[in-house]
Amino acid sequence: MRRAVCPGSFDPVTNGHVDVINRAAGLYDELVVAVLVNPGKAGLFPVEERMDLLRDAVADLPNVTIDSFQGLLVDYCRSHEIPVIVKGLRAVSDFEYELQMAQMNRELANVETLFVPTAPQVGHLSSSLVKQIAMFGGDVSRLVPKAVHERLLAHRDENRSGQTS
């Protein structure tokens, strides 16, 4: 069975992430989308909610499972017998960083990395930009799955109602 992992923070998942996941799911018998748990960094959404949003976004992909991990990705790969990491690339700057990571992961655990360039229509998306636009009232409905858009709106409204005049 051909298995791969697609790791990330997915805070929140964007249509760019979904594009890469869809394409990678077509290449592997099983694709694990693994949400990085970083205890030193507070995300907009808790890890469990990110996982739920991912499950909703890829519900039509029966060979995709959602999991989480902390620590080294290669340790996760070893413990789950996953030989390939799938990473989406948006720009040359992504490649420079990801190439170093890929080389290190191969050195540490003989884990290969497959780079998937994002589709041009979603190549500009990043979770941080989407969050910023949404929090300032911009329309991100075309940039994220429907459930993510609804949660972003709810989060923005919660923050607005919590502010005092």
N, C-alpha and C. Protein backbone atom coordinates (compact mmCIF):
# COMPACT_ATOMS: atom_id res chain seq x y z
N MET A 1 0.84 -1.18 0.00
CA MET A 1 0.00 0.00 0.00
C MET A 1 0.89 1.25 0.00
N ARG A 2 0.60 2.16 -0.89
CA ARG A 2 1.35 3.41 -0.98
C ARG A 2 0.74 4.44 -0.03
N ARG A 3 1.57 4.91 0.92
CA ARG A 3 1.08 5.83 1.95
C ARG A 3 1.93 7.09 1.96
N ALA A 4 1.29 8.21 2.30
CA ALA A 4 1.99 9.49 2.42
C ALA A 4 1.31 10.31 3.50
N VAL A 5 2.05 11.31 3.97
CA VAL A 5 1.51 12.26 4.94
C VAL A 5 1.64 13.66 4.37
N CYS A 6 0.61 14.46 4.60
CA CYS A 6 0.61 15.87 4.21
C CYS A 6 0.49 16.68 5.51
N PRO A 7 1.61 17.21 6.01
CA PRO A 7 1.59 17.89 7.30
C PRO A 7 1.36 19.40 7.17
N GLY A 8 0.93 20.00 8.26
CA GLY A 8 0.79 21.45 8.29
C GLY A 8 0.08 21.89 9.55
N SER A 9 0.01 23.21 9.71
CA SER A 9 -0.74 23.74 10.85
C SER A 9 -2.22 23.87 10.51
N PHE A 10 -2.53 24.15 9.25
CA PHE A 10 -3.92 24.23 8.77
C PHE A 10 -4.77 25.12 9.68
N ASP A 11 -4.26 26.32 9.96
CA ASP A 11 -4.93 27.24 10.88
C ASP A 11 -5.32 28.54 10.18
N PRO A 12 -6.37 28.50 9.37
CA PRO A 12 -7.26 27.40 9.02
C PRO A 12 -6.87 26.78 7.68
N VAL A 13 -7.56 25.68 7.35
CA VAL A 13 -7.39 25.06 6.05
C VAL A 13 -7.94 26.01 4.98
N THR A 14 -7.20 26.14 3.88
CA THR A 14 -7.61 27.00 2.77
C THR A 14 -7.90 26.13 1.55
N ASN A 15 -8.43 26.76 0.51
CA ASN A 15 -8.66 26.03 -0.74
C ASN A 15 -7.33 25.61 -1.38
N GLY A 16 -6.25 26.30 -1.06
CA GLY A 16 -4.94 25.88 -1.52
C GLY A 16 -4.54 24.55 -0.89
N HIS A 17 -4.77 24.42 0.41
CA HIS A 17 -4.50 23.14 1.08
C HIS A 17 -5.35 22.04 0.46
N VAL A 18 -6.63 22.32 0.26
CA VAL A 18 -7.55 21.32 -0.28
C VAL A 18 -7.10 20.89 -1.67
N ASP A 19 -6.61 21.82 -2.47
CA ASP A 19 -6.10 21.50 -3.80
C ASP A 19 -4.96 20.48 -3.71
N VAL A 20 -4.00 20.75 -2.86
CA VAL A 20 -2.84 19.85 -2.70
C VAL A 20 -3.30 18.50 -2.17
N ILE A 21 -4.18 18.50 -1.19
CA ILE A 21 -4.68 17.25 -0.61
C ILE A 21 -5.41 16.42 -1.66
N ASN A 22 -6.27 17.05 -2.43
CA ASN A 22 -7.00 16.34 -3.49
C ASN A 22 -6.05 15.69 -4.48
N ARG A 23 -5.06 16.43 -4.90
CA ARG A 23 -4.13 15.92 -5.90
C ARG A 23 -3.26 14.81 -5.33
N ALA A 24 -2.80 14.97 -4.08
CA ALA A 24 -1.99 13.92 -3.46
C ALA A 24 -2.81 12.67 -3.19
N ALA A 25 -4.09 12.84 -2.85
CA ALA A 25 -4.95 11.68 -2.60
C ALA A 25 -5.09 10.82 -3.85
N GLY A 26 -4.98 11.45 -5.01
CA GLY A 26 -5.05 10.70 -6.25
C GLY A 26 -3.79 9.89 -6.55
N LEU A 27 -2.71 10.17 -5.84
CA LEU A 27 -1.43 9.50 -6.08
C LEU A 27 -1.14 8.37 -5.10
N TYR A 28 -1.84 8.36 -3.96
CA TYR A 28 -1.54 7.40 -2.89
C TYR A 28 -2.78 6.62 -2.50
N ASP A 29 -2.56 5.40 -2.02
CA ASP A 29 -3.67 4.58 -1.52
C ASP A 29 -4.23 5.16 -0.23
N GLU A 30 -3.33 5.71 0.58
CA GLU A 30 -3.74 6.35 1.83
C GLU A 30 -2.93 7.64 2.01
N LEU A 31 -3.64 8.71 2.30
CA LEU A 31 -3.01 9.99 2.59
C LEU A 31 -3.46 10.42 3.98
N VAL A 32 -2.49 10.64 4.85
CA VAL A 32 -2.78 11.15 6.19
C VAL A 32 -2.50 12.64 6.18
N VAL A 33 -3.49 13.43 6.54
CA VAL A 33 -3.29 14.87 6.70
C VAL A 33 -3.06 15.07 8.19
N ALA A 34 -1.86 15.50 8.53
CA ALA A 34 -1.44 15.58 9.93
C ALA A 34 -1.28 17.03 10.38
N VAL A 35 -2.04 17.39 11.39
CA VAL A 35 -2.02 18.74 11.94
C VAL A 35 -0.93 18.82 13.00
N LEU A 36 -0.03 19.75 12.82
CA LEU A 36 1.06 19.96 13.78
C LEU A 36 0.52 20.60 15.05
N VAL A 37 0.82 19.98 16.17
CA VAL A 37 0.49 20.53 17.48
C VAL A 37 1.74 21.24 17.97
N ASN A 38 1.68 22.56 18.07
CA ASN A 38 2.81 23.34 18.53
C ASN A 38 2.41 23.99 19.85
N PRO A 39 2.81 23.38 20.98
CA PRO A 39 2.38 23.91 22.28
C PRO A 39 2.86 25.34 22.54
N GLY A 40 3.91 25.78 21.88
CA GLY A 40 4.44 27.12 22.10
C GLY A 40 3.77 28.19 21.27
N LYS A 41 2.80 27.80 20.43
CA LYS A 41 2.18 28.78 19.54
C LYS A 41 0.67 28.64 19.61
N ALA A 42 0.00 29.71 19.97
CA ALA A 42 -1.46 29.70 20.04
C ALA A 42 -2.01 29.96 18.65
N GLY A 43 -2.84 29.07 18.16
CA GLY A 43 -3.47 29.25 16.87
C GLY A 43 -4.82 29.94 17.01
N LEU A 44 -5.38 30.33 15.89
CA LEU A 44 -6.72 30.92 15.90
C LEU A 44 -7.74 29.86 16.32
N PHE A 45 -7.58 28.65 15.76
CA PHE A 45 -8.48 27.55 16.08
C PHE A 45 -7.72 26.47 16.84
N PRO A 46 -8.37 25.87 17.84
CA PRO A 46 -7.73 24.75 18.54
C PRO A 46 -7.48 23.60 17.56
N VAL A 47 -6.53 22.74 17.87
CA VAL A 47 -6.16 21.64 16.98
C VAL A 47 -7.35 20.76 16.64
N GLU A 48 -8.16 20.42 17.63
CA GLU A 48 -9.33 19.55 17.36
C GLU A 48 -10.28 20.20 16.37
N GLU A 49 -10.47 21.50 16.46
CA GLU A 49 -11.36 22.19 15.53
C GLU A 49 -10.75 22.21 14.13
N ARG A 50 -9.44 22.42 14.04
CA ARG A 50 -8.78 22.36 12.74
C ARG A 50 -8.97 20.99 12.10
N MET A 51 -8.85 19.95 12.94
CA MET A 51 -9.03 18.59 12.43
C MET A 51 -10.46 18.38 11.94
N ASP A 52 -11.44 18.89 12.68
CA ASP A 52 -12.84 18.77 12.26
C ASP A 52 -13.07 19.52 10.95
N LEU A 53 -12.50 20.71 10.82
CA LEU A 53 -12.66 21.48 9.59
C LEU A 53 -12.00 20.76 8.41
N LEU A 54 -10.87 20.14 8.65
CA LEU A 54 -10.22 19.35 7.60
C LEU A 54 -11.08 18.15 7.21
N ARG A 55 -11.62 17.44 8.20
CA ARG A 55 -12.49 16.29 7.90
C ARG A 55 -13.65 16.71 7.01
N ASP A 56 -14.24 17.84 7.33
CA ASP A 56 -15.34 18.35 6.52
C ASP A 56 -14.88 18.69 5.11
N ALA A 57 -13.71 19.31 4.99
CA ALA A 57 -13.20 19.75 3.68
C ALA A 57 -12.83 18.60 2.76
N VAL A 58 -12.47 17.45 3.33
CA VAL A 58 -12.05 16.31 2.51
C VAL A 58 -12.98 15.11 2.66
N ALA A 59 -14.20 15.36 3.09
CA ALA A 59 -15.15 14.28 3.33
C ALA A 59 -15.39 13.41 2.10
N ASP A 60 -15.19 13.96 0.92
CA ASP A 60 -15.42 13.20 -0.32
C ASP A 60 -14.21 12.37 -0.75
N LEU A 61 -13.16 12.35 0.07
CA LEU A 61 -11.94 11.60 -0.26
C LEU A 61 -11.81 10.42 0.71
N PRO A 62 -12.26 9.24 0.32
CA PRO A 62 -12.29 8.11 1.26
C PRO A 62 -10.91 7.61 1.69
N ASN A 63 -9.87 7.92 0.94
CA ASN A 63 -8.52 7.44 1.30
C ASN A 63 -7.73 8.46 2.13
N VAL A 64 -8.40 9.52 2.58
CA VAL A 64 -7.73 10.54 3.38
C VAL A 64 -8.20 10.43 4.83
N THR A 65 -7.23 10.40 5.74
CA THR A 65 -7.53 10.43 7.16
C THR A 65 -6.87 11.66 7.78
N ILE A 66 -7.43 12.11 8.88
CA ILE A 66 -6.93 13.30 9.57
C ILE A 66 -6.36 12.85 10.91
N ASP A 67 -5.17 13.36 11.23
CA ASP A 67 -4.51 13.02 12.49
C ASP A 67 -3.78 14.27 12.97
N SER A 68 -3.13 14.17 14.11
CA SER A 68 -2.31 15.28 14.60
C SER A 68 -1.01 14.69 15.14
N PHE A 69 -0.01 15.54 15.26
CA PHE A 69 1.28 15.10 15.79
C PHE A 69 1.98 16.28 16.43
N GLN A 70 2.93 15.97 17.30
CA GLN A 70 3.84 17.00 17.80
C GLN A 70 5.23 16.40 17.80
N GLY A 71 6.20 17.25 17.79
CA GLY A 71 7.57 16.78 17.69
C GLY A 71 8.02 16.73 16.24
N LEU A 72 8.98 15.85 15.98
CA LEU A 72 9.53 15.74 14.63
C LEU A 72 8.60 14.97 13.71
N LEU A 73 8.40 15.50 12.53
CA LEU A 73 7.58 14.83 11.53
C LEU A 73 8.16 13.46 11.16
N VAL A 74 9.48 13.36 11.09
CA VAL A 74 10.08 12.07 10.73
C VAL A 74 9.79 11.01 11.80
N ASP A 75 9.68 11.40 13.06
CA ASP A 75 9.30 10.44 14.10
C ASP A 75 7.88 9.96 13.87
N TYR A 76 7.00 10.87 13.49
CA TYR A 76 5.62 10.48 13.16
C TYR A 76 5.63 9.51 11.97
N CYS A 77 6.41 9.83 10.95
CA CYS A 77 6.49 8.97 9.77
C CYS A 77 6.98 7.57 10.13
N ARG A 78 8.03 7.51 10.93
CA ARG A 78 8.57 6.21 11.35
C ARG A 78 7.54 5.41 12.13
N SER A 79 6.91 6.04 13.10
CA SER A 79 5.98 5.30 13.96
C SER A 79 4.71 4.87 13.22
N HIS A 80 4.39 5.53 12.12
CA HIS A 80 3.20 5.17 11.34
C HIS A 80 3.56 4.50 10.01
N GLU A 81 4.84 4.19 9.83
CA GLU A 81 5.33 3.53 8.61
C GLU A 81 4.88 4.25 7.34
N ILE A 82 5.13 5.55 7.33
CA ILE A 82 4.80 6.40 6.18
C ILE A 82 6.11 6.85 5.54
N PRO A 83 6.37 6.45 4.30
CA PRO A 83 7.66 6.74 3.67
C PRO A 83 7.75 8.06 2.89
N VAL A 84 6.62 8.77 2.73
CA VAL A 84 6.61 9.96 1.88
C VAL A 84 5.87 11.11 2.56
N ILE A 85 6.47 12.29 2.46
CA ILE A 85 5.86 13.54 2.92
C ILE A 85 5.44 14.31 1.68
N VAL A 86 4.22 14.81 1.66
CA VAL A 86 3.73 15.64 0.55
C VAL A 86 3.67 17.08 1.03
N LYS A 87 4.31 17.96 0.28
CA LYS A 87 4.31 19.39 0.63
C LYS A 87 3.87 20.20 -0.58
N GLY A 88 2.98 21.13 -0.35
CA GLY A 88 2.56 22.05 -1.41
C GLY A 88 3.53 23.22 -1.49
N LEU A 89 3.80 23.65 -2.70
CA LEU A 89 4.69 24.79 -2.93
C LEU A 89 3.93 25.90 -3.65
N ARG A 90 4.00 27.11 -3.10
CA ARG A 90 3.35 28.26 -3.72
C ARG A 90 4.32 29.11 -4.52
N ALA A 91 5.57 29.18 -4.05
CA ALA A 91 6.53 30.10 -4.66
C ALA A 91 7.95 29.57 -4.46
N VAL A 92 8.89 30.22 -5.10
CA VAL A 92 10.30 29.84 -4.99
C VAL A 92 10.75 29.90 -3.53
N SER A 93 10.26 30.87 -2.79
CA SER A 93 10.65 30.99 -1.37
C SER A 93 10.22 29.76 -0.58
N ASP A 94 9.06 29.18 -0.90
CA ASP A 94 8.64 27.93 -0.26
C ASP A 94 9.63 26.82 -0.59
N PHE A 95 10.04 26.75 -1.85
CA PHE A 95 10.94 25.68 -2.28
C PHE A 95 12.26 25.73 -1.54
N GLU A 96 12.82 26.89 -1.38
CA GLU A 96 14.12 27.01 -0.71
C GLU A 96 14.07 26.44 0.71
N TYR A 97 13.03 26.78 1.44
CA TYR A 97 12.89 26.27 2.81
C TYR A 97 12.57 24.77 2.79
N GLU A 98 11.61 24.38 1.97
CA GLU A 98 11.16 22.99 1.96
C GLU A 98 12.23 22.03 1.44
N LEU A 99 13.09 22.50 0.54
CA LEU A 99 14.17 21.65 0.06
C LEU A 99 15.11 21.27 1.20
N GLN A 100 15.46 22.23 2.03
CA GLN A 100 16.31 21.94 3.19
C GLN A 100 15.64 20.94 4.12
N MET A 101 14.35 21.12 4.35
CA MET A 101 13.62 20.19 5.21
C MET A 101 13.58 18.80 4.59
N ALA A 102 13.35 18.73 3.30
CA ALA A 102 13.29 17.44 2.61
C ALA A 102 14.63 16.71 2.70
N GLN A 103 15.70 17.45 2.51
CA GLN A 103 17.03 16.83 2.60
C GLN A 103 17.32 16.34 4.01
N MET A 104 16.92 17.11 5.00
CA MET A 104 17.13 16.71 6.39
C MET A 104 16.27 15.49 6.74
N ASN A 105 15.02 15.49 6.30
CA ASN A 105 14.14 14.36 6.59
C ASN A 105 14.66 13.07 5.94
N ARG A 106 15.23 13.20 4.77
CA ARG A 106 15.80 12.02 4.10
C ARG A 106 17.04 11.54 4.87
N GLU A 107 17.84 12.48 5.32
CA GLU A 107 19.04 12.14 6.08
C GLU A 107 18.69 11.47 7.41
N LEU A 108 17.70 12.03 8.11
CA LEU A 108 17.35 11.53 9.44
C LEU A 108 16.61 10.19 9.42
N ALA A 109 15.72 10.01 8.42
CA ALA A 109 14.84 8.84 8.49
C ALA A 109 14.58 8.17 7.14
N ASN A 110 15.32 8.58 6.12
CA ASN A 110 15.13 8.02 4.78
C ASN A 110 13.68 8.20 4.31
N VAL A 111 13.09 9.32 4.67
CA VAL A 111 11.73 9.67 4.24
C VAL A 111 11.85 10.62 3.06
N GLU A 112 11.17 10.28 1.98
CA GLU A 112 11.19 11.11 0.77
C GLU A 112 10.15 12.22 0.87
N THR A 113 10.33 13.27 0.07
CA THR A 113 9.36 14.36 0.02
C THR A 113 8.92 14.56 -1.42
N LEU A 114 7.62 14.65 -1.61
CA LEU A 114 7.03 14.95 -2.91
C LEU A 114 6.53 16.38 -2.87
N PHE A 115 7.02 17.22 -3.77
CA PHE A 115 6.56 18.60 -3.84
C PHE A 115 5.44 18.70 -4.87
N VAL A 116 4.33 19.31 -4.46
CA VAL A 116 3.19 19.52 -5.34
C VAL A 116 2.99 21.02 -5.50
N PRO A 117 3.23 21.53 -6.70
CA PRO A 117 2.99 22.97 -6.89
C PRO A 117 1.49 23.26 -6.84
N THR A 118 1.13 24.32 -6.15
CA THR A 118 -0.29 24.66 -6.07
C THR A 118 -0.80 25.10 -7.43
N ALA A 119 -2.08 24.92 -7.63
CA ALA A 119 -2.72 25.40 -8.85
C ALA A 119 -2.64 26.93 -8.87
N PRO A 120 -2.48 27.52 -10.04
CA PRO A 120 -2.32 28.98 -10.11
C PRO A 120 -3.43 29.77 -9.42
N GLN A 121 -4.66 29.28 -9.49
CA GLN A 121 -5.78 30.02 -8.91
C GLN A 121 -5.78 30.04 -7.38
N VAL A 122 -4.95 29.18 -6.73
CA VAL A 122 -4.88 29.17 -5.26
C VAL A 122 -3.45 29.40 -4.74
N GLY A 123 -2.53 29.68 -5.64
CA GLY A 123 -1.13 29.82 -5.25
C GLY A 123 -0.84 31.00 -4.35
N HIS A 124 -1.71 31.96 -4.30
CA HIS A 124 -1.51 33.15 -3.47
C HIS A 124 -2.04 32.99 -2.05
N LEU A 125 -2.70 31.88 -1.78
CA LEU A 125 -3.35 31.72 -0.47
C LEU A 125 -2.39 31.29 0.62
N SER A 126 -2.58 31.87 1.78
CA SER A 126 -1.90 31.40 2.99
C SER A 126 -2.89 31.56 4.14
N SER A 127 -2.77 30.68 5.11
CA SER A 127 -3.67 30.75 6.26
C SER A 127 -3.57 32.10 6.97
N SER A 128 -2.35 32.60 7.11
CA SER A 128 -2.19 33.87 7.84
C SER A 128 -2.85 35.03 7.10
N LEU A 129 -2.74 35.07 5.77
CA LEU A 129 -3.40 36.13 5.01
C LEU A 129 -4.92 36.01 5.11
N VAL A 130 -5.42 34.79 4.98
CA VAL A 130 -6.86 34.56 5.07
C VAL A 130 -7.39 35.01 6.42
N LYS A 131 -6.69 34.65 7.51
CA LYS A 131 -7.13 35.06 8.85
C LYS A 131 -7.16 36.58 8.96
N GLN A 132 -6.10 37.22 8.49
CA GLN A 132 -6.01 38.67 8.60
C GLN A 132 -7.14 39.35 7.83
N ILE A 133 -7.38 38.92 6.61
CA ILE A 133 -8.44 39.51 5.79
C ILE A 133 -9.79 39.31 6.47
N ALA A 134 -10.05 38.09 6.95
CA ALA A 134 -11.33 37.78 7.59
C ALA A 134 -11.54 38.62 8.84
N MET A 135 -10.50 38.77 9.66
CA MET A 135 -10.65 39.51 10.92
C MET A 135 -10.91 40.99 10.69
N PHE A 136 -10.50 41.51 9.52
CA PHE A 136 -10.77 42.91 9.19
C PHE A 136 -12.03 43.07 8.34
N GLY A 137 -12.81 41.99 8.23
CA GLY A 137 -14.10 42.08 7.55
C GLY A 137 -14.06 41.82 6.06
N GLY A 138 -12.93 41.40 5.53
CA GLY A 138 -12.85 41.09 4.11
C GLY A 138 -13.55 39.79 3.77
N ASP A 139 -13.95 39.65 2.53
CA ASP A 139 -14.66 38.46 2.07
C ASP A 139 -13.68 37.39 1.66
N VAL A 140 -13.62 36.30 2.42
CA VAL A 140 -12.72 35.18 2.10
C VAL A 140 -13.52 33.94 1.68
N SER A 141 -14.78 34.11 1.36
CA SER A 141 -15.65 32.97 1.06
C SER A 141 -15.15 32.14 -0.12
N ARG A 142 -14.45 32.74 -1.07
CA ARG A 142 -13.93 31.98 -2.22
C ARG A 142 -12.56 31.38 -1.93
N LEU A 143 -11.98 31.66 -0.78
CA LEU A 143 -10.62 31.25 -0.47
C LEU A 143 -10.54 30.03 0.45
N VAL A 144 -11.65 29.72 1.11
CA VAL A 144 -11.66 28.64 2.10
C VAL A 144 -12.92 27.79 1.91
N PRO A 145 -12.89 26.54 2.41
CA PRO A 145 -14.12 25.74 2.39
C PRO A 145 -15.23 26.42 3.18
N LYS A 146 -16.47 26.07 2.86
CA LYS A 146 -17.64 26.72 3.46
C LYS A 146 -17.62 26.68 4.98
N ALA A 147 -17.33 25.52 5.56
CA ALA A 147 -17.33 25.40 7.03
C ALA A 147 -16.27 26.31 7.66
N VAL A 148 -15.14 26.45 7.00
CA VAL A 148 -14.08 27.33 7.51
C VAL A 148 -14.55 28.78 7.45
N HIS A 149 -15.19 29.15 6.35
CA HIS A 149 -15.69 30.52 6.22
C HIS A 149 -16.67 30.84 7.34
N GLU A 150 -17.58 29.90 7.62
CA GLU A 150 -18.55 30.11 8.69
C GLU A 150 -17.87 30.27 10.05
N ARG A 151 -16.84 29.47 10.32
CA ARG A 151 -16.13 29.57 11.60
C ARG A 151 -15.34 30.88 11.69
N LEU A 152 -14.76 31.31 10.57
CA LEU A 152 -14.04 32.59 10.57
C LEU A 152 -14.99 33.74 10.87
N LEU A 153 -16.17 33.71 10.26
CA LEU A 153 -17.16 34.76 10.52
C LEU A 153 -17.59 34.73 11.99
N ALA A 154 -17.84 33.54 12.51
CA ALA A 154 -18.24 33.41 13.92
C ALA A 154 -17.14 33.91 14.84
N HIS A 155 -15.91 33.58 14.53
CA HIS A 155 -14.78 34.01 15.36
C HIS A 155 -14.65 35.54 15.32
N ARG A 156 -14.79 36.11 14.13
CA ARG A 156 -14.71 37.57 13.99
C ARG A 156 -15.82 38.23 14.80
N ASP A 157 -17.04 37.69 14.69
CA ASP A 157 -18.17 38.26 15.42
C ASP A 157 -18.00 38.13 16.93
N GLU A 158 -17.44 37.00 17.38
CA GLU A 158 -17.17 36.80 18.81
C GLU A 158 -16.18 37.85 19.30
N ASN A 159 -15.15 38.11 18.50
CA ASN A 159 -14.14 39.11 18.89
C ASN A 159 -14.73 40.52 18.92
N ARG A 160 -15.59 40.82 17.95
CA ARG A 160 -16.21 42.14 17.91
C ARG A 160 -17.14 42.35 19.09
N SER A 161 -17.92 41.32 19.45
CA SER A 161 -18.87 41.49 20.55
C SER A 161 -18.15 41.54 21.89
N GLY A 162 -16.93 41.01 21.95
CA GLY A 162 -16.14 41.04 23.19
C GLY A 162 -15.41 42.35 23.40
N GLN A 163 -15.38 43.20 22.37
CA GLN A 163 -14.68 44.49 22.50
C GLN A 163 -15.62 45.52 23.12
N THR A 164 -15.03 46.40 23.89
CA THR A 164 -15.82 47.48 24.49
C THR A 164 -15.61 48.76 23.70
N SER A 165 -16.59 49.61 23.73
CA SER A 165 -16.50 50.88 22.99
C SER A 165 -15.84 51.95 23.81
